[in-house]
N, C-alpha and C. Protein backbone atom coordinates (compact mmCIF):
# COMPACT_ATOMS: atom_id res chain seq x y z
N UNK A 1 -190.94 -47.22 157.00
CA UNK A 1 -190.65 -47.21 155.57
C UNK A 1 -191.48 -48.31 154.92
N UNK A 2 -192.23 -47.96 153.89
CA UNK A 2 -193.03 -48.98 153.23
C UNK A 2 -192.16 -49.81 152.27
N UNK A 3 -192.74 -50.90 151.77
CA UNK A 3 -191.98 -51.82 150.91
C UNK A 3 -191.54 -51.18 149.61
N UNK A 4 -192.35 -50.31 149.02
CA UNK A 4 -192.00 -49.65 147.77
C UNK A 4 -190.79 -48.73 147.96
N UNK A 5 -190.79 -47.97 149.03
CA UNK A 5 -189.68 -47.06 149.32
C UNK A 5 -188.40 -47.85 149.58
N UNK A 6 -188.53 -48.94 150.33
CA UNK A 6 -187.38 -49.79 150.62
C UNK A 6 -186.83 -50.40 149.33
N UNK A 7 -187.71 -50.87 148.45
CA UNK A 7 -187.27 -51.47 147.19
C UNK A 7 -186.54 -50.44 146.33
N UNK A 8 -187.05 -49.21 146.29
CA UNK A 8 -186.41 -48.15 145.51
C UNK A 8 -185.03 -47.82 146.09
N UNK A 9 -184.92 -47.78 147.40
CA UNK A 9 -183.64 -47.47 148.05
C UNK A 9 -182.61 -48.56 147.75
N UNK A 10 -183.03 -49.81 147.82
CA UNK A 10 -182.13 -50.92 147.54
C UNK A 10 -181.70 -50.89 146.08
N UNK A 11 -182.63 -50.66 145.16
CA UNK A 11 -182.29 -50.60 143.74
C UNK A 11 -181.30 -49.47 143.46
N UNK A 12 -181.50 -48.33 144.08
CA UNK A 12 -180.57 -47.22 143.91
C UNK A 12 -179.18 -47.54 144.42
N UNK A 13 -179.12 -48.18 145.58
CA UNK A 13 -177.82 -48.54 146.16
C UNK A 13 -177.08 -49.54 145.27
N UNK A 14 -177.81 -50.51 144.74
CA UNK A 14 -177.20 -51.52 143.86
C UNK A 14 -176.68 -50.85 142.58
N UNK A 15 -177.44 -49.93 142.01
CA UNK A 15 -177.02 -49.24 140.79
C UNK A 15 -175.77 -48.41 141.05
N UNK A 16 -175.71 -47.72 142.18
CA UNK A 16 -174.54 -46.90 142.50
C UNK A 16 -173.31 -47.77 142.73
N UNK A 17 -173.49 -48.91 143.36
CA UNK A 17 -172.36 -49.82 143.60
C UNK A 17 -171.82 -50.34 142.27
N UNK A 18 -172.68 -50.63 141.34
CA UNK A 18 -172.26 -51.09 140.01
C UNK A 18 -171.47 -50.03 139.28
N UNK A 19 -171.89 -48.76 139.37
CA UNK A 19 -171.15 -47.67 138.72
C UNK A 19 -169.78 -47.50 139.34
N UNK A 20 -169.67 -47.61 140.65
CA UNK A 20 -168.38 -47.47 141.32
C UNK A 20 -167.44 -48.59 140.90
N UNK A 21 -167.96 -49.80 140.78
CA UNK A 21 -167.13 -50.92 140.36
C UNK A 21 -166.64 -50.71 138.93
N UNK A 22 -167.48 -50.21 138.05
CA UNK A 22 -167.08 -49.97 136.66
C UNK A 22 -165.97 -48.92 136.59
N UNK A 23 -166.07 -47.87 137.38
CA UNK A 23 -165.05 -46.83 137.40
C UNK A 23 -163.74 -47.39 137.92
N UNK A 24 -163.81 -48.23 138.95
CA UNK A 24 -162.59 -48.82 139.50
C UNK A 24 -161.94 -49.74 138.47
N UNK A 25 -162.72 -50.54 137.76
CA UNK A 25 -162.17 -51.43 136.75
C UNK A 25 -161.49 -50.63 135.63
N UNK A 26 -162.08 -49.52 135.24
CA UNK A 26 -161.54 -48.70 134.16
C UNK A 26 -160.21 -48.06 134.54
N UNK A 27 -159.99 -47.84 135.84
CA UNK A 27 -158.77 -47.16 136.26
C UNK A 27 -157.67 -48.11 136.73
N UNK A 28 -157.88 -49.42 136.65
CA UNK A 28 -156.84 -50.37 137.06
C UNK A 28 -155.61 -50.16 136.19
N UNK A 29 -154.46 -50.15 136.82
CA UNK A 29 -153.21 -49.97 136.09
C UNK A 29 -152.95 -48.52 135.72
N UNK A 30 -153.75 -47.61 136.25
CA UNK A 30 -153.60 -46.19 135.95
C UNK A 30 -153.13 -45.46 137.20
N UNK A 31 -152.59 -44.27 137.01
CA UNK A 31 -152.19 -43.43 138.13
C UNK A 31 -152.57 -41.99 137.85
N UNK A 32 -152.90 -41.27 138.92
CA UNK A 32 -153.27 -39.87 138.82
C UNK A 32 -151.99 -39.07 138.64
N UNK A 33 -151.91 -38.28 137.58
CA UNK A 33 -150.69 -37.56 137.23
C UNK A 33 -151.00 -36.08 137.05
N UNK A 34 -150.33 -35.23 137.84
CA UNK A 34 -150.52 -33.78 137.78
C UNK A 34 -149.50 -33.15 136.84
N UNK A 35 -149.94 -32.11 136.13
CA UNK A 35 -149.03 -31.32 135.30
C UNK A 35 -148.85 -31.81 133.88
N UNK A 36 -149.63 -32.79 133.44
CA UNK A 36 -149.49 -33.30 132.07
C UNK A 36 -150.76 -33.13 131.23
N UNK A 37 -151.85 -32.71 131.86
CA UNK A 37 -153.11 -32.57 131.13
C UNK A 37 -153.12 -31.28 130.31
N UNK A 38 -153.59 -31.35 129.09
CA UNK A 38 -153.77 -30.14 128.30
C UNK A 38 -155.13 -29.55 128.64
N UNK A 39 -155.31 -28.26 128.37
CA UNK A 39 -156.55 -27.57 128.69
C UNK A 39 -157.75 -28.34 128.15
N UNK A 40 -158.75 -28.49 128.99
CA UNK A 40 -159.98 -29.16 128.59
C UNK A 40 -159.94 -30.67 128.66
N UNK A 41 -158.81 -31.26 129.04
CA UNK A 41 -158.71 -32.72 129.09
C UNK A 41 -158.31 -33.24 130.47
N UNK A 42 -158.56 -32.45 131.52
CA UNK A 42 -158.25 -32.87 132.88
C UNK A 42 -159.22 -33.95 133.34
N UNK A 43 -158.79 -34.70 134.36
CA UNK A 43 -159.58 -35.82 134.84
C UNK A 43 -160.78 -35.45 135.69
N UNK A 44 -160.64 -34.46 136.55
CA UNK A 44 -161.73 -34.08 137.44
C UNK A 44 -161.43 -32.73 138.06
N UNK A 45 -161.94 -32.47 139.25
CA UNK A 45 -161.79 -31.17 139.90
C UNK A 45 -160.31 -30.80 140.06
N UNK A 46 -160.04 -29.50 140.00
CA UNK A 46 -158.66 -29.03 140.20
C UNK A 46 -158.31 -29.10 141.68
N UNK A 47 -157.04 -29.25 141.97
CA UNK A 47 -156.58 -29.34 143.35
C UNK A 47 -156.81 -28.04 144.11
N UNK A 48 -156.77 -26.91 143.40
CA UNK A 48 -156.95 -25.61 144.08
C UNK A 48 -158.40 -25.18 144.17
N UNK A 49 -159.32 -25.98 143.66
CA UNK A 49 -160.74 -25.67 143.76
C UNK A 49 -161.26 -24.66 142.76
N UNK A 50 -160.49 -24.35 141.73
CA UNK A 50 -160.94 -23.36 140.75
C UNK A 50 -162.08 -23.88 139.88
N UNK A 51 -162.27 -25.17 139.81
CA UNK A 51 -163.42 -25.79 139.14
C UNK A 51 -163.63 -27.18 139.71
N UNK A 52 -164.80 -27.74 139.45
CA UNK A 52 -165.14 -29.01 140.07
C UNK A 52 -165.52 -30.11 139.10
N UNK A 53 -165.04 -30.01 137.85
CA UNK A 53 -165.47 -31.01 136.89
C UNK A 53 -164.39 -31.33 135.86
N UNK A 54 -164.48 -32.53 135.30
CA UNK A 54 -163.57 -32.94 134.24
C UNK A 54 -163.75 -32.07 133.01
N UNK A 55 -162.66 -31.82 132.31
CA UNK A 55 -162.71 -31.07 131.06
C UNK A 55 -162.83 -29.57 131.23
N UNK A 56 -162.69 -29.06 132.44
CA UNK A 56 -162.86 -27.63 132.66
C UNK A 56 -161.55 -26.86 132.84
N UNK A 57 -160.43 -27.52 132.75
CA UNK A 57 -159.16 -26.81 132.89
C UNK A 57 -158.98 -25.86 131.71
N UNK A 58 -158.31 -24.74 131.97
CA UNK A 58 -158.12 -23.75 130.91
C UNK A 58 -156.65 -23.49 130.61
N UNK A 59 -155.75 -24.20 131.30
CA UNK A 59 -154.32 -23.99 131.14
C UNK A 59 -153.64 -25.33 130.85
N UNK A 60 -152.84 -25.39 129.81
CA UNK A 60 -152.07 -26.60 129.52
C UNK A 60 -151.05 -26.85 130.61
N UNK A 61 -150.92 -28.10 131.03
CA UNK A 61 -149.90 -28.60 131.94
C UNK A 61 -149.93 -27.95 133.33
N UNK A 62 -151.10 -27.47 133.77
CA UNK A 62 -151.21 -26.87 135.10
C UNK A 62 -150.87 -27.90 136.17
N UNK A 63 -150.11 -27.49 137.15
CA UNK A 63 -149.76 -28.36 138.27
C UNK A 63 -150.93 -28.65 139.18
N UNK A 64 -152.06 -27.98 138.96
CA UNK A 64 -153.27 -28.21 139.75
C UNK A 64 -154.23 -29.18 139.08
N UNK A 65 -153.94 -29.56 137.85
CA UNK A 65 -154.83 -30.45 137.08
C UNK A 65 -154.19 -31.82 136.93
N UNK A 66 -155.05 -32.85 136.93
CA UNK A 66 -154.55 -34.21 136.77
C UNK A 66 -155.32 -34.95 135.70
N UNK A 67 -154.73 -36.03 135.26
CA UNK A 67 -155.35 -36.95 134.32
C UNK A 67 -154.83 -38.35 134.66
N UNK A 68 -155.63 -39.37 134.39
CA UNK A 68 -155.16 -40.74 134.60
C UNK A 68 -154.27 -41.15 133.44
N UNK A 69 -153.11 -41.71 133.78
CA UNK A 69 -152.17 -42.19 132.77
C UNK A 69 -151.80 -43.63 133.09
N UNK A 70 -151.23 -44.33 132.15
CA UNK A 70 -150.79 -45.70 132.38
C UNK A 70 -149.78 -45.73 133.52
N UNK A 71 -149.89 -46.74 134.37
CA UNK A 71 -148.97 -46.88 135.49
C UNK A 71 -147.52 -46.87 135.03
N UNK A 72 -146.69 -46.13 135.75
CA UNK A 72 -145.27 -46.06 135.43
C UNK A 72 -144.89 -45.01 134.41
N UNK A 73 -145.86 -44.25 133.90
CA UNK A 73 -145.55 -43.27 132.86
C UNK A 73 -145.60 -41.82 133.32
N UNK A 74 -146.16 -41.53 134.48
CA UNK A 74 -146.36 -40.15 134.92
C UNK A 74 -145.06 -39.36 134.95
N UNK A 75 -144.09 -39.84 135.70
CA UNK A 75 -142.84 -39.11 135.82
C UNK A 75 -142.07 -39.06 134.50
N UNK A 76 -142.19 -40.11 133.69
CA UNK A 76 -141.54 -40.11 132.37
C UNK A 76 -142.11 -39.01 131.48
N UNK A 77 -143.40 -38.69 131.70
CA UNK A 77 -144.06 -37.64 130.91
C UNK A 77 -143.78 -36.25 131.47
N UNK A 78 -143.09 -36.17 132.60
CA UNK A 78 -142.81 -34.88 133.23
C UNK A 78 -143.81 -34.50 134.30
N UNK A 79 -144.69 -35.42 134.68
CA UNK A 79 -145.71 -35.15 135.67
C UNK A 79 -145.27 -35.51 137.08
N UNK A 80 -146.16 -35.20 138.03
CA UNK A 80 -145.92 -35.49 139.44
C UNK A 80 -147.16 -36.17 140.02
N UNK A 81 -146.98 -36.87 141.13
CA UNK A 81 -148.08 -37.59 141.77
C UNK A 81 -148.90 -36.73 142.71
N UNK A 82 -148.44 -35.52 142.99
CA UNK A 82 -149.17 -34.59 143.84
C UNK A 82 -149.26 -33.24 143.13
N UNK A 83 -150.32 -32.49 143.45
CA UNK A 83 -150.49 -31.17 142.86
C UNK A 83 -149.31 -30.28 143.24
N UNK A 84 -148.99 -29.34 142.37
CA UNK A 84 -147.88 -28.41 142.62
C UNK A 84 -148.22 -27.06 142.01
N UNK A 85 -147.60 -25.99 142.51
CA UNK A 85 -147.87 -24.66 141.96
C UNK A 85 -147.20 -24.50 140.59
N UNK A 86 -147.80 -23.71 139.74
CA UNK A 86 -147.18 -23.41 138.45
C UNK A 86 -147.57 -24.38 137.35
N UNK A 87 -146.72 -24.41 136.34
CA UNK A 87 -146.97 -25.18 135.13
C UNK A 87 -145.93 -26.29 135.02
N UNK A 88 -146.39 -27.47 134.61
CA UNK A 88 -145.48 -28.59 134.40
C UNK A 88 -144.74 -28.44 133.08
N UNK A 89 -143.78 -29.29 132.88
CA UNK A 89 -142.99 -29.29 131.65
C UNK A 89 -143.70 -30.16 130.62
N UNK A 90 -144.01 -29.60 129.45
CA UNK A 90 -144.65 -30.43 128.41
C UNK A 90 -143.79 -31.63 128.06
N UNK A 91 -144.39 -32.77 127.78
CA UNK A 91 -143.60 -33.95 127.42
C UNK A 91 -142.81 -33.70 126.15
N UNK A 92 -141.58 -34.19 126.13
CA UNK A 92 -140.75 -34.04 124.94
C UNK A 92 -141.23 -35.01 123.88
N UNK A 93 -141.16 -34.56 122.64
CA UNK A 93 -141.56 -35.44 121.53
C UNK A 93 -140.40 -36.36 121.20
N UNK A 94 -140.74 -37.59 120.89
CA UNK A 94 -139.71 -38.55 120.53
C UNK A 94 -139.35 -38.37 119.06
N UNK A 95 -138.17 -38.81 118.65
CA UNK A 95 -137.78 -38.69 117.24
C UNK A 95 -138.80 -39.33 116.29
N UNK A 96 -139.49 -40.37 116.75
CA UNK A 96 -140.47 -41.04 115.87
C UNK A 96 -141.66 -40.13 115.60
N UNK A 97 -141.96 -39.16 116.51
CA UNK A 97 -143.05 -38.23 116.27
C UNK A 97 -142.76 -37.34 115.06
N UNK A 98 -141.51 -36.93 114.90
CA UNK A 98 -141.14 -36.06 113.79
C UNK A 98 -141.12 -36.79 112.47
N UNK A 99 -140.74 -38.06 112.46
CA UNK A 99 -140.66 -38.80 111.21
C UNK A 99 -142.04 -39.05 110.61
N UNK A 100 -143.06 -39.10 111.42
CA UNK A 100 -144.40 -39.36 110.92
C UNK A 100 -144.95 -38.17 110.14
N UNK A 101 -144.39 -36.99 110.36
CA UNK A 101 -144.90 -35.79 109.71
C UNK A 101 -144.24 -35.53 108.36
N UNK A 102 -143.24 -36.31 107.98
CA UNK A 102 -142.52 -36.09 106.70
C UNK A 102 -143.33 -36.57 105.53
């Protein structure tokens, strides 16, 4: 391996490590929550393999789709920590949600 190829390989590895660290920092305090994502707002690939990318879900609250939520809020929102068959329960609106629309 010549020096130019080695330098390019090292630069690529350093850039990839930086991206991984940024993603990890962004997800601190978050948890993967299934069954709470609305269509088109999922975090990444579906658990059943029907698609392989974020934003590609087509069903609201699918038990196969996940999104990152604040730690401690998944189950409160009606979600689960593992994929499940069917549709999750949409989160209930709080009374304060209705008062804002008056």
